[in-house]
Amino acid sequence: MNLRNIYKLFKPYTSSIAAIILFSLLVSLVNIITPFVNRFMIDQGLLRGNISVVFSAVLLLLFLYLCDNAIQYFQRKQEILVSNSFGKDLKIKALSHGLKLNPRHFKDQGFYKITGDVLYDIDNLLTITSSNFLMLFLIICKAIGAAIGLFFLNWRLALLTLPFIFFKIVYNTWMRSRSEQLGKNLMDANKNYNTWFSDLLSGAIDIKLWNLHSRKTAEYGEQIHNINEASKNLSLFTTKNNCVMRIVELTFINLMYLSGAALIQKDQISFGSLMTFITFSTYLLVPIDAIMNLRIILKQIRPSLQEIQRFFGLDEENYDSTLEPNGIISKIEFKDVSVTFENRCILQNINFEIHRGEKVVFVGDNGSGKTTLLNLLLGLCQPSSGEVLIDGIPIQNYNIEAYRKKISVVSQNVHLFSGTVRENILLDEETPFDSGKYPLFCKKAVEKLEKNYDTTVGIDGTKLSGGEKQKVALLRALNRKGEFLVLDEATSNYDSESEEAFHLFIKENTNYNFYFIVTHRKEFLEYTDKTICLSHGKVSCIKQN
């Protein structure tokens, strides 16, 4: 990774970067003039007691300093704008990509883990802007301006700075590898924390049921300790390096005094030139620090940049296809479909057809593959072999967004977003809210709530019972006028009265062209047209009801 790779990321901000470079050139000009004015003030004013010269030089220096700081202010403003926009745009792009990822990427690591890691990597990458990455050109320009001025002040003293510059380069090169390792340790500690915290969120209820509070609190302390230790080691290493550099610079300045005194005795330099040279000589060392620190930063963020590139290289679902399903779908076909995950066969050689107008129920023991079969239909997983065809075309060939608009689904594990019942029914659909068309047993359940459809459901529906959540999820599905109604154990938390009303609803409802019902309830069989029985990942029988 080099500077060119980094600047590619900033390509959309070319105009702002051009302004930063322009400001840097102006600062360079100011820093060429300033040493000469400073020498003039000392030699012609202070040493000769000429107050008017000192006054004029001071006014000019104040003007130059004012210009320098004003230019740096506007330069910094542009830098902040670039930094903020860059970070925001990259994070939005990352989240958008994460939400569109092929679901198979969530098998080993959940959505929180994958996106949490990449957002941390982006924050780490942003250190190049918070560490004055865009100020580098300004620093170099200031140094060039000062170097030109100092060389003309006294070229002998200018040559004496070379050994110190060489030392700084060698020292910074030596410390790079150590800094890179410490940066990687900190990144690994944060990513381990993300993995642990993701697991904690998933198991919050089990922690209560199994009284794991103390254990998980202790583990949390260990995770924070590991992050703090890694951060401490990196910070102390940086501090130690800064101390060494300050000692080197103080040594350099004192040697400049000794060399300058010898040159004054030989009448090879004026007192004003010496003082000015020492004052501005640190400008020659600053760009070395900046460039070497930048190389260290680039080393530290290299793993993050590689992870970001790997993340954006993960394949998305098919959102770019122009192919959309027919206005009215006629047939769905599973043709020699098998699904294998980590050498475990979940579905094997599944073959069946479903035609428009059929209500189909899938039955089988736990682990028989029912939910995986529905996930294939929903496009949430893909066959390891074989094809799922919609009117003769594989699902993955369709624009996935257009395809899913055809589907209304109630998942086995219902998720409600934080908000009201009404907001969870509507989501972002254009279909207007019309409670008059909803099933009576669902409407009654909602009307019993404190504020009816305006009741706040809490995070993931925690303020509702399991049955209430499933009824809100059913209303959400029914509010979308699709072609498929998919119900995965949609009544597992219903009471007997609600379940009986639901069966009647399924029997009488004809708003959808396809009905897919996963259940353990045999009562559904008399309300459906076809039963597909699964056993150990295979179709054991297909019955017409």
Protein backbone atom coordinates (compact mmCIF):
# COMPACT_ATOMS: atom_id res chain seq x y z
CA MET A 1 0.00 0.00 0.00
CA ASN A 2 1.36 3.43 -0.95
CA LEU A 3 0.22 7.03 -1.05
CA ARG A 4 -1.30 6.57 -4.50
CA ASN A 5 -3.66 3.88 -3.14
CA ILE A 6 -4.74 6.21 -0.35
CA TYR A 7 -5.34 9.16 -2.66
CA LYS A 8 -7.54 6.97 -4.87
CA LEU A 9 -9.97 6.86 -1.97
CA PHE A 10 -10.03 10.66 -1.93
CA LYS A 11 -10.64 11.02 -5.67
CA PRO A 12 -14.23 12.33 -5.23
CA TYR A 13 -12.83 15.23 -3.20
CA THR A 14 -10.39 16.50 -5.85
CA SER A 15 -11.51 20.14 -5.68
CA SER A 16 -11.08 20.33 -1.89
CA ILE A 17 -7.67 18.69 -2.10
CA ALA A 18 -6.68 21.17 -4.83
CA ALA A 19 -7.64 24.00 -2.46
CA ILE A 20 -5.49 22.41 0.28
CA ILE A 21 -2.51 22.27 -2.10
CA LEU A 22 -3.02 25.91 -3.14
CA PHE A 23 -3.09 27.01 0.50
CA SER A 24 0.08 25.00 1.09
CA LEU A 25 1.89 26.80 -1.73
CA LEU A 26 0.90 30.16 -0.28
CA VAL A 27 2.25 29.10 3.12
CA SER A 28 5.50 28.07 1.40
CA LEU A 29 5.85 31.58 -0.02
CA VAL A 30 5.28 33.14 3.41
CA ASN A 31 7.94 30.89 4.92
CA ILE A 32 10.53 31.90 2.31
CA ILE A 33 10.13 35.57 3.24
CA THR A 34 9.83 35.28 7.03
CA PRO A 35 13.48 34.29 7.89
CA PHE A 36 14.85 37.28 5.99
CA VAL A 37 12.53 39.70 7.77
CA ASN A 38 13.49 38.12 11.10
CA ARG A 39 17.23 38.49 10.36
CA PHE A 40 16.74 42.08 9.24
CA MET A 41 14.94 42.93 12.47
CA ILE A 42 17.75 41.50 14.63
CA ASP A 43 20.78 42.76 12.68
CA GLN A 44 19.51 46.14 11.53
CA GLY A 45 17.12 46.89 14.35
CA LEU A 46 17.77 45.19 17.69
CA LEU A 47 21.57 45.12 17.56
CA ARG A 48 21.76 48.74 16.37
CA GLY A 49 19.02 50.03 18.62
CA ASN A 50 16.98 51.28 15.66
CA ILE A 51 13.43 51.28 17.03
CA SER A 52 11.79 52.30 13.74
CA VAL A 53 13.37 49.33 11.94
CA VAL A 54 12.27 46.98 14.71
CA PHE A 55 8.76 48.46 14.62
CA SER A 56 8.48 48.10 10.84
CA ALA A 57 9.88 44.54 10.92
CA VAL A 58 7.52 43.54 13.74
CA LEU A 59 4.53 44.86 11.79
CA LEU A 60 5.65 42.93 8.72
CA LEU A 61 6.23 39.77 10.76
CA LEU A 62 2.81 40.11 12.37
CA PHE A 63 1.28 40.47 8.92
CA LEU A 64 3.14 37.39 7.69
CA TYR A 65 2.13 35.39 10.77
CA LEU A 66 -1.46 36.53 10.32
CA CYS A 67 -1.40 35.42 6.68
CA ASP A 68 0.23 32.11 7.63
CA ASN A 69 -2.36 31.29 10.30
CA ALA A 70 -5.30 32.48 8.21
CA ILE A 71 -4.19 30.30 5.32
CA GLN A 72 -3.68 27.33 7.66
CA TYR A 73 -7.15 27.89 9.16
CA PHE A 74 -8.86 27.72 5.78
CA GLN A 75 -6.64 24.78 4.81
CA ARG A 76 -7.63 22.95 8.00
CA LYS A 77 -11.28 23.72 7.35
CA GLN A 78 -11.04 22.05 3.94
CA GLU A 79 -9.25 19.11 5.51
CA ILE A 80 -12.01 18.62 8.10
CA LEU A 81 -14.67 18.80 5.39
CA VAL A 82 -12.85 16.16 3.35
CA SER A 83 -12.29 13.97 6.40
CA ASN A 84 -15.94 14.10 7.53
CA SER A 85 -17.35 13.55 4.05
CA PHE A 86 -14.90 10.75 3.33
CA GLY A 87 -15.75 8.93 6.57
CA LYS A 88 -19.49 9.37 6.16
CA ASP A 89 -19.55 8.28 2.52
CA LEU A 90 -17.37 5.24 3.14
CA LYS A 91 -19.43 4.09 6.14
CA ILE A 92 -22.71 4.53 4.24
CA LYS A 93 -21.23 2.59 1.33
CA ALA A 94 -20.09 -0.16 3.71
CA LEU A 95 -23.49 -0.49 5.40
CA SER A 96 -25.28 -0.51 2.05
CA HIS A 97 -22.93 -3.21 0.78
CA GLY A 98 -23.36 -5.18 4.01
CA LEU A 99 -27.15 -5.13 3.72
CA LYS A 100 -26.92 -6.38 0.13
CA LEU A 101 -24.40 -9.15 0.79
CA ASN A 102 -25.17 -12.67 -0.25
CA PRO A 103 -26.64 -14.23 2.93
CA ARG A 104 -24.15 -17.10 2.79
CA HIS A 105 -21.52 -14.70 4.15
CA PHE A 106 -23.47 -14.58 7.42
CA LYS A 107 -23.18 -18.32 8.01
CA ASP A 108 -19.88 -18.23 9.88
CA GLN A 109 -20.14 -14.66 11.15
CA GLY A 110 -23.39 -12.79 11.73
CA PHE A 111 -24.30 -9.45 10.21
CA TYR A 112 -23.26 -7.56 13.36
CA LYS A 113 -19.80 -9.14 13.37
CA ILE A 114 -19.13 -8.52 9.66
CA THR A 115 -20.36 -4.92 9.61
CA GLY A 116 -18.92 -4.12 13.06
CA ASP A 117 -15.48 -5.21 11.92
CA VAL A 118 -15.53 -3.20 8.71
CA LEU A 119 -16.81 -0.07 10.49
CA TYR A 120 -13.94 -0.41 12.96
CA ASP A 121 -11.53 -0.79 10.03
CA ILE A 122 -12.96 2.38 8.48
CA ASP A 123 -12.48 4.27 11.75
CA ASN A 124 -8.90 3.03 11.81
CA LEU A 125 -8.45 4.14 8.21
CA LEU A 126 -9.75 7.58 9.13
CA THR A 127 -6.73 8.07 11.37
CA ILE A 128 -4.88 9.14 8.23
CA THR A 129 -7.06 12.25 8.13
CA SER A 130 -7.14 12.88 11.88
CA SER A 131 -3.36 12.53 11.85
CA ASN A 132 -3.02 15.44 9.43
CA PHE A 133 -2.54 13.23 6.40
CA LEU A 134 -3.84 15.99 4.19
CA MET A 135 -1.57 18.48 6.02
CA LEU A 136 1.49 16.63 4.73
CA PHE A 137 1.73 18.76 1.61
CA LEU A 138 1.43 21.89 3.72
CA ILE A 139 4.24 20.73 6.02
CA ILE A 140 6.50 19.90 3.09
CA CYS A 141 5.79 23.25 1.43
CA LYS A 142 6.57 25.10 4.65
CA ALA A 143 9.81 23.15 4.95
CA ILE A 144 10.77 23.87 1.35
CA GLY A 145 10.14 27.57 1.88
CA ALA A 146 12.14 27.61 5.10
CA ALA A 147 14.94 25.53 3.51
CA ILE A 148 15.33 28.03 0.67
CA GLY A 149 15.48 30.91 3.12
CA LEU A 150 17.91 29.16 5.50
CA PHE A 151 20.20 28.05 2.69
CA PHE A 152 20.62 31.65 1.61
CA LEU A 153 21.09 32.72 5.22
CA ASN A 154 24.05 30.36 5.66
CA TRP A 155 24.71 27.30 3.56
CA ARG A 156 27.31 25.93 6.02
CA LEU A 157 24.80 25.62 8.86
CA ALA A 158 22.27 24.21 6.41
CA LEU A 159 24.67 21.36 5.58
CA LEU A 160 25.09 20.59 9.31
CA THR A 161 21.42 19.58 9.48
CA LEU A 162 21.98 16.63 7.13
CA PRO A 163 23.39 14.19 9.78
CA PHE A 164 20.35 14.83 12.01
CA ILE A 165 17.97 14.27 9.13
CA PHE A 166 19.78 11.01 8.33
CA PHE A 167 19.51 9.89 11.98
CA LYS A 168 15.79 10.60 12.09
CA ILE A 169 15.20 8.58 8.93
CA VAL A 170 17.18 5.59 10.25
CA TYR A 171 15.47 5.70 13.66
CA ASN A 172 11.97 5.98 12.25
CA THR A 173 12.64 3.15 9.82
CA TRP A 174 13.74 0.94 12.71
CA MET A 175 10.62 1.63 14.78
CA ARG A 176 8.15 1.07 11.92
CA SER A 177 7.89 -2.71 12.25
CA ARG A 178 7.29 -2.51 16.01
CA SER A 179 4.60 0.13 15.56
CA GLU A 180 2.91 -1.97 12.89
CA GLN A 181 2.73 -4.98 15.20
CA LEU A 182 1.34 -2.90 18.08
CA GLY A 183 -1.29 -1.43 15.76
CA LYS A 184 -2.28 -4.90 14.60
CA ASN A 185 -2.56 -6.08 18.22
CA LEU A 186 -5.00 -3.24 18.95
CA MET A 187 -7.06 -4.03 15.85
CA ASP A 188 -7.22 -7.73 16.77
CA ALA A 189 -8.30 -6.88 20.33
CA ASN A 190 -11.16 -4.74 19.02
CA LYS A 191 -12.28 -7.39 16.54
CA ASN A 192 -12.20 -10.08 19.23
CA TYR A 193 -14.40 -7.81 21.31
CA ASN A 194 -16.86 -7.46 18.41
CA THR A 195 -17.06 -11.24 18.09
CA TRP A 196 -17.60 -11.66 21.82
CA PHE A 197 -20.20 -8.89 22.03
CA SER A 198 -22.13 -10.29 19.04
CA ASP A 199 -22.33 -13.63 20.85
CA LEU A 200 -23.43 -11.84 24.04
CA LEU A 201 -26.31 -10.11 22.26
CA SER A 202 -27.52 -13.37 20.74
CA GLY A 203 -27.48 -15.13 24.12
CA ALA A 204 -28.91 -12.43 26.41
CA ILE A 205 -31.89 -14.59 27.47
CA ASP A 206 -29.76 -17.69 28.08
CA ILE A 207 -27.45 -15.61 30.26
CA LYS A 208 -30.43 -14.89 32.50
CA LEU A 209 -31.75 -18.46 32.47
CA TRP A 210 -28.38 -20.02 33.26
CA ASN A 211 -27.23 -17.32 35.71
CA LEU A 212 -24.17 -16.41 33.68
CA HIS A 213 -24.11 -12.74 34.74
CA SER A 214 -20.90 -12.96 36.75
CA ARG A 215 -19.12 -15.05 34.14
CA LYS A 216 -20.04 -12.75 31.26
CA THR A 217 -19.21 -9.65 33.29
CA ALA A 218 -15.78 -11.12 34.01
CA GLU A 219 -15.31 -11.94 30.31
CA TYR A 220 -16.29 -8.37 29.45
CA GLY A 221 -13.64 -7.11 31.85
CA GLU A 222 -11.06 -9.32 30.13
CA GLN A 223 -12.04 -8.01 26.70
CA ILE A 224 -11.79 -4.38 27.83
CA HIS A 225 -8.48 -5.16 29.55
CA ASN A 226 -7.07 -6.61 26.33
CA ILE A 227 -8.13 -3.52 24.36
CA ASN A 228 -6.72 -1.17 27.02
CA GLU A 229 -3.42 -3.07 27.16
CA ALA A 230 -3.02 -2.99 23.38
CA SER A 231 -3.93 0.72 23.31
CA LYS A 232 -1.54 1.44 26.22
CA ASN A 233 1.37 -0.34 24.55
CA LEU A 234 0.84 1.58 21.32
CA SER A 235 0.47 4.92 23.13
CA LEU A 236 3.56 4.37 25.30
CA PHE A 237 5.60 3.34 22.30
CA THR A 238 4.54 6.51 20.48
CA THR A 239 5.30 8.63 23.55
CA LYS A 240 8.74 7.05 23.94
CA ASN A 241 9.49 7.75 20.31
CA ASN A 242 8.43 11.39 20.72
CA CYS A 243 10.73 11.75 23.76
CA VAL A 244 13.70 10.41 21.79
CA MET A 245 12.94 12.84 18.96
CA ARG A 246 12.74 15.80 21.36
CA ILE A 247 16.14 14.91 22.84
CA VAL A 248 17.60 14.68 19.32
CA GLU A 249 16.15 18.07 18.38
CA LEU A 250 17.45 19.74 21.57
CA THR A 251 20.88 18.26 20.88
CA PHE A 252 20.68 19.57 17.33
CA ILE A 253 19.79 23.10 18.49
CA ASN A 254 22.62 23.21 21.04
CA LEU A 255 25.12 22.05 18.42
CA MET A 256 23.82 24.81 16.15
CA TYR A 257 24.68 27.32 18.90
CA LEU A 258 28.24 25.96 19.12
CA SER A 259 28.72 25.92 15.35
CA GLY A 260 27.15 29.35 15.03
CA ALA A 261 29.46 30.83 17.67
CA ALA A 262 32.47 29.56 15.73
CA LEU A 263 31.11 31.06 12.48
CA ILE A 264 30.46 34.41 14.20
CA GLN A 265 34.06 34.53 15.38
CA LYS A 266 35.18 34.03 11.78
CA ASP A 267 32.72 36.70 10.56
CA GLN A 268 31.02 34.09 8.38
CA ILE A 269 27.56 34.71 9.86
CA SER A 270 25.80 37.53 11.66
CA PHE A 271 24.15 37.15 15.06
CA GLY A 272 20.75 37.81 13.49
CA SER A 273 21.36 35.11 10.87
CA LEU A 274 22.30 32.60 13.58
CA MET A 275 19.24 33.28 15.73
CA THR A 276 16.98 33.21 12.70
CA PHE A 277 18.57 29.99 11.47
CA ILE A 278 18.07 28.25 14.84
CA THR A 279 14.50 29.52 15.09
CA PHE A 280 13.51 28.23 11.67
CA SER A 281 15.82 25.20 11.45
CA THR A 282 13.22 22.93 13.06
CA TYR A 283 11.16 23.41 9.89
CA LEU A 284 13.75 21.23 8.15
CA LEU A 285 13.15 18.39 10.62
CA VAL A 286 9.34 18.60 10.73
CA PRO A 287 8.76 17.09 7.26
CA ILE A 288 11.00 14.15 8.17
CA ASP A 289 8.81 13.52 11.22
CA ALA A 290 5.66 13.96 9.16
CA ILE A 291 6.74 11.65 6.36
CA MET A 292 8.10 8.97 8.68
CA ASN A 293 5.04 9.17 10.95
CA LEU A 294 2.90 8.87 7.87
CA ARG A 295 4.75 5.72 6.87
CA ILE A 296 4.12 4.35 10.36
CA ILE A 297 0.43 5.24 10.11
CA LEU A 298 0.23 3.57 6.71
CA LYS A 299 1.78 0.46 8.22
CA GLN A 300 -0.73 0.51 11.06
CA ILE A 301 -3.75 0.90 8.80
CA ARG A 302 -2.59 -1.56 6.13
CA PRO A 303 -4.47 -4.52 7.75
CA SER A 304 -7.61 -2.36 7.97
CA LEU A 305 -7.36 -1.29 4.34
CA GLN A 306 -6.89 -4.90 3.29
CA GLU A 307 -9.95 -5.94 5.31
CA ILE A 308 -12.01 -3.11 3.81
CA GLN A 309 -10.96 -4.16 0.32
CA ARG A 310 -11.80 -7.80 1.15
CA PHE A 311 -15.21 -6.75 2.53
CA PHE A 312 -16.10 -4.77 -0.58
CA GLY A 313 -14.96 -7.76 -2.62
CA LEU A 314 -17.67 -9.98 -1.08
CA ASP A 315 -20.40 -10.68 -3.60
CA GLU A 316 -23.82 -9.09 -3.25
CA GLU A 317 -27.19 -10.49 -4.12
CA ASN A 318 -28.38 -9.74 -7.63
CA TYR A 319 -29.56 -6.14 -7.35
CA ASP A 320 -28.26 -5.09 -10.75
CA SER A 321 -30.21 -7.44 -12.99
CA THR A 322 -32.83 -5.89 -15.26
CA LEU A 323 -34.71 -9.20 -15.37
CA GLU A 324 -37.90 -9.12 -13.31
CA PRO A 325 -40.48 -11.87 -12.71
CA ASN A 326 -43.57 -11.95 -14.91
CA GLY A 327 -46.56 -9.94 -13.83
CA ILE A 328 -48.29 -13.20 -12.91
CA ILE A 329 -46.09 -16.17 -12.04
CA SER A 330 -47.36 -19.55 -13.24
CA LYS A 331 -45.01 -22.18 -11.84
CA ILE A 332 -42.31 -22.75 -9.24
CA GLU A 333 -40.01 -25.73 -9.68
CA PHE A 334 -37.34 -27.28 -7.46
CA LYS A 335 -35.13 -29.31 -9.80
CA ASP A 336 -32.53 -31.68 -8.30
CA VAL A 337 -31.86 -29.20 -5.48
CA SER A 338 -29.25 -30.01 -2.86
CA VAL A 339 -27.84 -27.82 -0.12
CA THR A 340 -24.59 -28.64 1.66
CA PHE A 341 -22.95 -26.62 4.40
CA GLU A 342 -19.58 -27.53 5.92
CA ASN A 343 -19.78 -31.04 4.48
CA ARG A 344 -23.21 -31.55 6.03
CA CYS A 345 -26.04 -32.34 3.64
CA ILE A 346 -29.12 -30.31 4.59
CA LEU A 347 -31.24 -30.96 1.48
CA GLN A 348 -30.64 -33.69 -1.07
CA ASN A 349 -32.10 -34.03 -4.60
CA ILE A 350 -35.31 -32.12 -3.95
CA ASN A 351 -37.76 -32.25 -6.88
CA PHE A 352 -41.31 -30.88 -7.02
CA GLU A 353 -43.48 -28.36 -8.85
CA ILE A 354 -46.02 -25.89 -7.49
CA HIS A 355 -48.56 -24.24 -9.77
CA ARG A 356 -50.41 -20.97 -9.44
CA GLY A 357 -53.42 -21.21 -7.14
CA GLU A 358 -52.00 -24.01 -4.96
CA LYS A 359 -51.78 -23.86 -1.20
CA VAL A 360 -48.87 -26.02 -0.12
CA VAL A 361 -47.89 -27.19 3.35
CA PHE A 362 -44.42 -28.50 4.22
CA VAL A 363 -44.24 -30.96 7.13
CA GLY A 364 -41.42 -32.89 8.75
CA ASP A 365 -39.46 -33.32 11.94
CA ASN A 366 -37.09 -30.68 13.27
CA GLY A 367 -33.95 -30.60 11.13
CA SER A 368 -35.67 -32.15 8.13
CA GLY A 369 -34.88 -29.08 5.99
CA LYS A 370 -38.22 -27.23 5.92
CA THR A 371 -36.86 -23.78 6.78
CA THR A 372 -33.88 -24.22 4.43
CA LEU A 373 -36.32 -25.03 1.65
CA LEU A 374 -38.21 -21.79 2.34
CA ASN A 375 -34.93 -19.86 2.45
CA LEU A 376 -34.19 -21.16 -1.05
CA LEU A 377 -37.55 -19.84 -2.17
CA LEU A 378 -36.90 -16.47 -0.49
CA GLY A 379 -33.45 -16.22 -2.08
CA LEU A 380 -31.77 -16.23 1.34
CA CYS A 381 -29.59 -19.16 0.34
CA GLN A 382 -28.63 -20.83 -2.92
CA PRO A 383 -28.49 -24.48 -3.91
CA SER A 384 -25.15 -26.24 -3.78
CA SER A 385 -26.44 -28.04 -6.86
CA GLY A 386 -29.65 -27.99 -8.85
CA GLU A 387 -31.95 -25.02 -9.45
CA VAL A 388 -35.01 -23.27 -8.05
CA LEU A 389 -36.91 -22.03 -11.10
CA ILE A 390 -39.57 -19.34 -11.33
CA ASP A 391 -41.35 -19.78 -14.66
CA GLY A 392 -38.31 -21.69 -15.89
CA ILE A 393 -35.71 -19.08 -14.81
CA PRO A 394 -33.37 -19.56 -11.80
CA ILE A 395 -34.20 -17.21 -8.91
CA GLN A 396 -30.66 -15.82 -8.82
CA ASN A 397 -31.06 -14.49 -12.37
CA TYR A 398 -33.86 -12.14 -11.34
CA ASN A 399 -33.38 -8.73 -9.78
CA ILE A 400 -33.62 -9.82 -6.15
CA GLU A 401 -35.43 -6.67 -5.03
CA ALA A 402 -38.11 -7.03 -7.71
CA TYR A 403 -38.44 -10.73 -6.92
CA ARG A 404 -38.90 -10.21 -3.18
CA LYS A 405 -41.64 -7.66 -3.81
CA LYS A 406 -43.65 -10.67 -4.92
CA ILE A 407 -43.32 -12.27 -1.48
CA SER A 408 -45.16 -11.67 1.80
CA VAL A 409 -43.54 -13.59 4.64
CA VAL A 410 -43.98 -14.34 8.34
CA SER A 411 -40.69 -15.80 9.57
CA GLN A 412 -40.27 -18.36 12.31
CA ASN A 413 -38.38 -15.82 14.42
CA VAL A 414 -40.36 -12.60 14.10
CA HIS A 415 -38.39 -9.36 14.28
CA LEU A 416 -40.16 -6.06 14.91
CA PHE A 417 -38.35 -2.76 14.48
CA SER A 418 -38.37 -0.18 17.24
CA GLY A 419 -41.44 1.98 16.58
CA THR A 420 -45.21 1.63 16.58
CA VAL A 421 -47.41 -1.25 15.45
CA ARG A 422 -48.52 0.86 12.49
CA GLU A 423 -44.91 1.57 11.44
CA ASN A 424 -44.08 -2.14 11.64
CA ILE A 425 -47.03 -3.01 9.45
CA LEU A 426 -46.27 -0.39 6.81
CA LEU A 427 -42.46 -0.39 6.86
CA ASP A 428 -41.46 1.31 3.59
CA GLU A 429 -44.25 -0.09 1.47
CA GLU A 430 -46.32 2.23 -0.70
CA THR A 431 -49.50 0.31 0.06
CA PRO A 432 -51.76 2.56 2.18
CA PHE A 433 -52.70 1.54 5.69
CA ASP A 434 -56.17 -0.01 5.62
CA SER A 435 -57.12 -1.86 8.80
CA GLY A 436 -60.52 -2.71 7.32
CA LYS A 437 -59.04 -5.50 5.18
CA TYR A 438 -57.13 -7.17 8.05
CA PRO A 439 -58.32 -10.46 9.65
CA LEU A 440 -60.65 -9.87 12.56
CA PHE A 441 -58.64 -11.95 15.05
CA CYS A 442 -55.52 -9.82 14.35
CA LYS A 443 -57.46 -6.54 14.58
CA LYS A 444 -58.90 -7.54 17.94
CA ALA A 445 -55.42 -8.30 19.28
CA VAL A 446 -54.12 -4.87 18.21
CA GLU A 447 -57.19 -3.01 19.48
CA LYS A 448 -56.58 -4.47 22.95
CA LEU A 449 -53.24 -2.68 23.08
CA GLU A 450 -53.00 0.63 24.96
CA LYS A 451 -52.81 2.83 21.85
CA ASN A 452 -54.01 0.35 19.27
CA TYR A 453 -51.95 0.73 16.09
CA ASP A 454 -49.95 3.59 17.63
CA THR A 455 -48.64 1.39 20.47
CA THR A 456 -44.85 1.38 20.75
CA VAL A 457 -43.57 -2.19 20.37
CA GLY A 458 -40.13 -1.69 21.98
CA ILE A 459 -36.82 -3.04 20.72
CA ASP A 460 -37.56 -6.21 18.75
CA GLY A 461 -41.15 -6.13 20.02
CA THR A 462 -40.24 -6.65 23.68
CA LYS A 463 -43.41 -4.82 24.82
CA LEU A 464 -45.63 -7.34 23.05
CA SER A 465 -46.34 -10.99 23.78
CA GLY A 466 -45.16 -13.71 21.40
CA GLY A 467 -48.64 -14.11 19.93
CA GLU A 468 -49.07 -10.35 19.50
CA LYS A 469 -45.73 -10.14 17.68
CA GLN A 470 -46.76 -12.91 15.29
CA LYS A 471 -50.07 -11.19 14.57
CA VAL A 472 -48.36 -7.88 13.83
CA ALA A 473 -45.98 -9.79 11.54
CA LEU A 474 -48.96 -11.38 9.77
CA LEU A 475 -50.55 -7.95 9.27
CA ARG A 476 -47.27 -6.70 7.85
CA ALA A 477 -47.20 -9.60 5.40
CA LEU A 478 -50.83 -9.11 4.39
CA ASN A 479 -50.34 -5.38 3.87
CA ARG A 480 -47.98 -6.19 0.96
CA LYS A 481 -49.95 -7.33 -2.05
CA GLY A 482 -47.52 -9.88 -3.41
CA GLU A 483 -48.02 -13.23 -5.13
CA PHE A 484 -46.50 -15.54 -2.49
CA LEU A 485 -47.65 -15.82 1.10
CA VAL A 486 -44.95 -17.63 3.08
CA LEU A 487 -45.70 -18.71 6.64
CA ASP A 488 -42.96 -20.39 8.67
CA GLU A 489 -44.44 -21.70 11.95
CA ALA A 490 -46.50 -18.51 11.96
CA THR A 491 -48.85 -19.65 14.77
CA SER A 492 -46.39 -21.17 17.24
CA ASN A 493 -47.36 -18.61 19.93
CA TYR A 494 -51.10 -18.41 19.20
CA ASP A 495 -53.73 -19.49 21.68
CA SER A 496 -56.26 -22.10 20.52
CA GLU A 497 -58.91 -19.51 19.62
CA SER A 498 -56.50 -17.45 17.51
CA GLU A 499 -55.16 -20.58 15.83
CA GLU A 500 -58.63 -21.72 14.86
CA ALA A 501 -59.37 -18.26 13.41
CA PHE A 502 -56.08 -18.40 11.51
CA HIS A 503 -56.94 -21.79 9.98
CA LEU A 504 -60.27 -20.38 8.79
CA PHE A 505 -58.47 -17.35 7.35
CA ILE A 506 -56.08 -19.58 5.35
CA LYS A 507 -58.99 -21.67 4.11
CA GLU A 508 -60.95 -18.69 2.82
CA ASN A 509 -58.19 -16.34 1.70
CA THR A 510 -57.55 -16.17 -2.06
CA ASN A 511 -55.51 -12.95 -2.31
CA TYR A 512 -52.27 -14.76 -3.18
CA ASN A 513 -51.35 -17.00 -6.09
CA PHE A 514 -49.08 -19.23 -4.01
CA TYR A 515 -49.26 -20.25 -0.34
CA PHE A 516 -46.28 -21.87 1.39
CA ILE A 517 -46.85 -23.04 4.95
CA VAL A 518 -44.28 -24.68 7.19
CA THR A 519 -45.91 -26.23 10.25
CA HIS A 520 -46.09 -29.11 12.69
CA ARG A 521 -49.87 -28.71 12.89
CA LYS A 522 -51.77 -31.43 11.03
CA GLU A 523 -54.88 -29.25 11.05
CA PHE A 524 -53.48 -27.32 8.11
CA LEU A 525 -53.69 -30.35 5.84
CA GLU A 526 -57.45 -30.03 5.27
CA TYR A 527 -57.07 -26.35 4.27
CA THR A 528 -54.33 -26.85 1.68
CA ASP A 529 -54.04 -28.42 -1.77
CA LYS A 530 -50.72 -30.23 -1.46
CA THR A 531 -48.54 -31.64 1.31
CA ILE A 532 -44.80 -32.07 0.83
CA CYS A 533 -43.26 -34.28 3.49
CA LEU A 534 -39.56 -33.92 4.31
CA SER A 535 -37.38 -36.40 6.17
CA HIS A 536 -33.63 -36.11 6.73
CA GLY A 537 -33.29 -33.55 3.95
CA LYS A 538 -35.22 -35.53 1.36
CA VAL A 539 -38.78 -35.45 0.03
CA SER A 540 -40.36 -38.56 1.48
CA CYS A 541 -43.75 -38.07 -0.16
CA ILE A 542 -45.99 -35.55 -1.95
CA LYS A 543 -49.73 -35.77 -1.33
CA GLN A 544 -52.66 -34.04 -2.96
CA ASN A 545 -55.07 -33.07 -0.17
